[in-house]
Structures are given as C-alpha cells and as structure tokens.
Protein backbone atom coordinates (compact mmCIF):
# COMPACT_ATOMS: atom_id res chain seq x y z
CA UNK A 1 -10.41 49.07 -1.87
CA UNK A 2 -12.44 52.14 -0.53
CA UNK A 3 -11.18 52.73 3.07
CA UNK A 4 -14.07 55.15 3.83
CA UNK A 5 -16.47 52.24 3.07
CA UNK A 6 -14.52 49.91 5.11
CA UNK A 7 -14.60 52.23 8.09
CA UNK A 8 -18.30 52.98 7.56
CA UNK A 9 -19.06 49.30 7.35
CA UNK A 10 -17.09 48.57 10.48
CA UNK A 11 -19.34 51.00 12.41
CA UNK A 12 -22.42 50.11 10.72
CA UNK A 13 -25.17 48.93 13.18
CA UNK A 14 -28.50 47.72 11.66
CA UNK A 15 -28.53 44.20 12.60
CA UNK A 16 -26.82 40.92 12.86
CA UNK A 17 -26.76 38.17 10.01
CA UNK A 18 -27.05 34.47 10.95
CA UNK A 19 -24.11 32.79 12.71
CA UNK A 20 -21.08 32.09 10.50
CA UNK A 21 -20.20 28.95 12.47
CA UNK A 22 -21.02 26.77 9.36
CA UNK A 23 -17.65 25.27 8.05
CA UNK A 24 -18.90 25.93 4.39
CA UNK A 25 -19.48 29.63 4.88
CA UNK A 26 -16.67 31.57 3.33
CA UNK A 27 -17.93 35.03 4.05
CA UNK A 28 -20.10 37.68 3.18
CA UNK A 29 -20.77 40.20 0.45
CA UNK A 30 -21.91 43.49 2.17
CA UNK A 31 -24.08 45.74 0.09
CA UNK A 32 -24.21 49.27 0.45
CA UNK A 33 -24.72 52.48 -1.91
CA UNK A 34 -21.09 52.16 -3.17
CA UNK A 35 -21.24 48.51 -4.17
CA UNK A 36 -20.45 44.94 -2.77
CA UNK A 37 -17.48 44.54 -0.39
CA UNK A 38 -16.54 41.00 0.48
CA UNK A 39 -15.72 40.21 4.06
CA UNK A 40 -14.19 36.96 5.22
CA UNK A 41 -15.98 34.81 7.74
CA UNK A 42 -13.28 35.42 10.45
CA UNK A 43 -13.52 39.15 10.24
CA UNK A 44 -17.30 39.05 9.98
CA UNK A 45 -17.41 36.95 12.98
CA UNK A 46 -15.02 39.34 14.97
CA UNK A 47 -17.15 42.36 14.03
CA UNK A 48 -20.33 40.79 15.04
CA UNK A 49 -18.89 39.53 18.22
CA UNK A 50 -17.97 43.22 19.05
CA UNK A 51 -21.42 44.46 18.28
CA UNK A 52 -20.82 45.64 14.80
CA UNK A 53 -23.06 44.70 11.72
CA UNK A 54 -22.41 43.82 8.37
CA UNK A 55 -26.13 43.91 7.28
CA UNK A 56 -27.07 44.22 4.45
CA UNK A 57 -25.15 41.27 3.47
CA UNK A 58 -25.42 37.98 1.49
CA UNK A 59 -23.64 34.90 2.79
CA UNK A 60 -21.10 33.38 0.41
CA UNK A 61 -20.65 29.55 0.45
CA UNK A 62 -17.96 27.19 -0.80
CA UNK A 63 -18.10 27.15 -4.51
CA UNK A 64 -20.38 30.20 -4.85
CA UNK A 65 -17.56 31.80 -7.04
CA UNK A 66 -15.91 28.75 -8.48
CA UNK A 67 -12.04 29.46 -8.49
CA UNK A 68 -12.54 33.44 -8.24
CA UNK A 69 -10.24 34.87 -5.76
CA UNK A 70 -12.06 37.16 -3.15
CA UNK A 71 -10.01 39.50 -0.81
CA UNK A 72 -11.54 40.50 2.38
CA UNK A 73 -11.54 44.33 2.55
CA UNK A 74 -10.79 44.18 6.11
CA UNK A 75 -7.90 41.70 5.77
CA UNK A 76 -6.41 43.86 2.93
CA UNK A 77 -6.56 46.81 5.36
CA UNK A 78 -4.99 45.14 8.31
CA UNK A 79 -2.19 43.95 6.04
CA UNK A 80 -1.77 47.32 4.28
CA UNK A 81 -1.47 48.94 7.78
CA UNK A 82 0.99 46.19 8.87
CA UNK A 83 3.00 46.64 5.89
CA UNK A 84 2.87 50.31 6.17
CA UNK A 85 4.38 50.09 9.69
CA UNK A 86 7.15 47.77 8.54
CA UNK A 87 8.12 50.09 5.79
CA UNK A 88 8.06 53.01 8.30
CA UNK A 89 10.31 50.99 10.70
CA UNK A 90 12.70 49.78 7.98
CA UNK A 91 13.35 53.03 6.33
CA UNK A 92 14.81 56.51 7.39
CA UNK A 93 12.30 59.31 7.08
CA UNK A 94 14.51 60.66 4.13
CA UNK A 95 14.18 57.22 2.33
CA UNK A 96 10.53 57.12 2.88
CA UNK A 97 10.13 60.69 1.63
CA UNK A 98 12.24 59.53 -1.49
CA UNK A 99 9.94 56.41 -2.15
CA UNK A 100 6.88 58.47 -1.86
CA UNK A 101 8.04 60.90 -4.31
CA UNK A 102 9.17 58.01 -6.64
CA UNK A 103 5.93 56.26 -6.42
CA UNK A 104 3.96 59.24 -7.79
CA UNK A 105 5.85 58.67 -11.26
CA UNK A 106 6.63 54.87 -11.22
CA UNK A 107 4.56 52.48 -13.20
CA UNK A 108 1.54 50.73 -11.68
CA UNK A 109 2.33 47.52 -9.66
CA UNK A 110 6.01 48.69 -8.97
CA UNK A 111 7.23 50.40 -5.72
CA UNK A 112 10.20 52.36 -4.88
CA UNK A 113 10.76 50.68 -1.42
CA UNK A 114 12.78 48.06 -3.30
CA UNK A 115 15.45 50.70 -4.00
CA UNK A 116 16.27 50.80 -0.20
CA UNK A 117 15.42 47.43 1.29
CA UNK A 118 13.95 43.98 0.50
CA UNK A 119 10.40 45.07 0.90
CA UNK A 120 9.29 41.54 0.20
CA UNK A 121 10.63 40.89 3.65
CA UNK A 122 8.72 43.66 5.02
CA UNK A 123 5.59 42.17 3.47
CA UNK A 124 6.46 38.68 4.93
CA UNK A 125 6.78 40.31 8.45
CA UNK A 126 3.73 42.41 8.22
CA UNK A 127 1.59 39.17 7.23
CA UNK A 128 2.99 37.41 10.21
CA UNK A 129 2.05 40.33 12.49
CA UNK A 130 -1.43 41.02 10.91
CA UNK A 131 -2.49 37.28 10.97
CA UNK A 132 -0.32 35.42 13.44
CA UNK A 133 0.79 32.90 10.80
CA UNK A 134 3.28 32.67 8.10
CA UNK A 135 2.49 33.63 4.51
CA UNK A 136 1.63 30.44 2.54
CA UNK A 137 4.46 29.93 0.08
CA UNK A 138 4.92 27.62 -3.07
CA UNK A 139 7.44 25.67 -0.97
CA UNK A 140 4.77 24.80 1.67
CA UNK A 141 2.88 22.22 -0.43
CA UNK A 142 2.58 20.40 -3.83
CA UNK A 143 2.29 22.76 -6.76
CA UNK A 144 0.06 20.25 -8.36
CA UNK A 145 -2.26 20.33 -5.58
CA UNK A 146 -5.28 22.67 -6.59
CA UNK A 147 -6.12 23.47 -3.07
CA UNK A 148 -2.48 24.39 -2.15
CA UNK A 149 -2.31 26.62 -5.45
CA UNK A 150 -5.74 28.26 -4.72
CA UNK A 151 -4.56 29.15 -1.18
CA UNK A 152 -1.37 30.55 -2.59
CA UNK A 153 -3.01 32.55 -5.19
CA UNK A 154 -5.62 33.98 -2.71
CA UNK A 155 -2.94 35.09 -0.27
CA UNK A 156 -0.72 36.59 -3.16
CA UNK A 157 -3.64 38.51 -4.27
CA UNK A 158 -4.31 39.56 -0.72
CA UNK A 159 -0.57 40.74 -0.43
CA UNK A 160 -0.67 42.60 -3.76
CA UNK A 161 -4.00 44.52 -2.89
CA UNK A 162 -2.58 45.55 0.45
CA UNK A 163 0.97 46.71 -0.97
CA UNK A 164 -1.22 48.89 -3.55
CA UNK A 165 -3.06 50.29 -0.62
CA UNK A 166 -0.08 51.13 1.36
CA UNK A 167 1.73 52.50 -1.43
CA UNK A 168 -1.45 54.73 -2.28
CA UNK A 169 -1.74 55.77 1.32
CA UNK A 170 2.09 56.87 1.27
CA UNK A 171 2.64 54.05 3.97
CA UNK A 172 0.51 56.11 6.50
CA UNK A 173 -2.20 53.53 7.15
CA UNK A 174 -2.81 52.65 10.86
CA UNK A 175 -4.33 49.29 11.80
CA UNK A 176 -8.16 49.08 12.20
CA UNK A 177 -9.26 45.98 14.05
CA UNK A 178 -12.14 44.31 12.61
C-alpha cells in the first residue's frame, strides 16, 4: 500500500464515475502513474459524495476477479490508523519504543506488540471502531459455506495488510476519512 498514492487519490478531482448504486458493483480500480489501486464501492461512494473523484477508474463487478481477494486501500488505511491508535492507547510510551525497536529486526509477518499485550484484541477493537461492526470470524458461520469463508478470508487479509501498514509506520498513522 502506498499512503502517498492514497492521499493523492483522496484529493484527486478530475470528474466522477457512474453511480455505484448497482448491487453487483464491488468497487473500482483507480489507475494513476504508480499503478492500479482497488477502492471498495462504499469508500468510493463516500469519496464521491464529498466531491472527490476516483477517475480514472474502472468499475469492478461481482465475479470480475473470481475468488481473488481485493483489499481496499482506503479501508486498509482506516483500519491501520485505528489499530495504531489502539496500540498507542494500550502500551506505555516505553513499551511502544521497545516494540518499534524490536520490529526493525523481527521477521516479516511478526510483531513485537504481542510481547506486551494481546494485540489481536487491539485489532478486533480497531476493526469495530473503523467499520462499526464486528470482525467476521470463523465462528460466525458455516466453514463449509464458500460465501462465509470468502468473507472471512477477505477480512483476514484486510487485517493483515492493516497490521503491516501500522507496523511499518511505527504505529503513528492517523485516520483519514474516505
């Protein structure tokens, strides 16, 4: 995720794509000089309602990418900021400084926050604050249901990307509204 591209995207003003009210619209691929970024329909709608543009963009419809997991750059950033705030509120400044130092040498996919707190709880709380609902868990449905499992996989990927972004920012991200 490129935060600079996200912020540039959020303030880009070249026009407005067609309405995103169609129930089969999943989101948009925004195209700029740095590549394509996925924006979910909810975030795109919020941005357009406030006068921002996501053009140039291509609509993505249900089934366009099969079972591929697409994580909205705006949702990732929102969750990363909420998670960063939860970690800052949970750890002492000394603990946070130790986490930042340890994370510089820890292997990819790991985070030293676990040494001081149950940071999974921080992520669950951040998800609730960022999206106003609970994180979809395996216990919430039938693990033999492909729709349930696809949603679980998508939300898990979203959380993983947000965790990585928060860790890379040393838990300093602040929320940017779509």
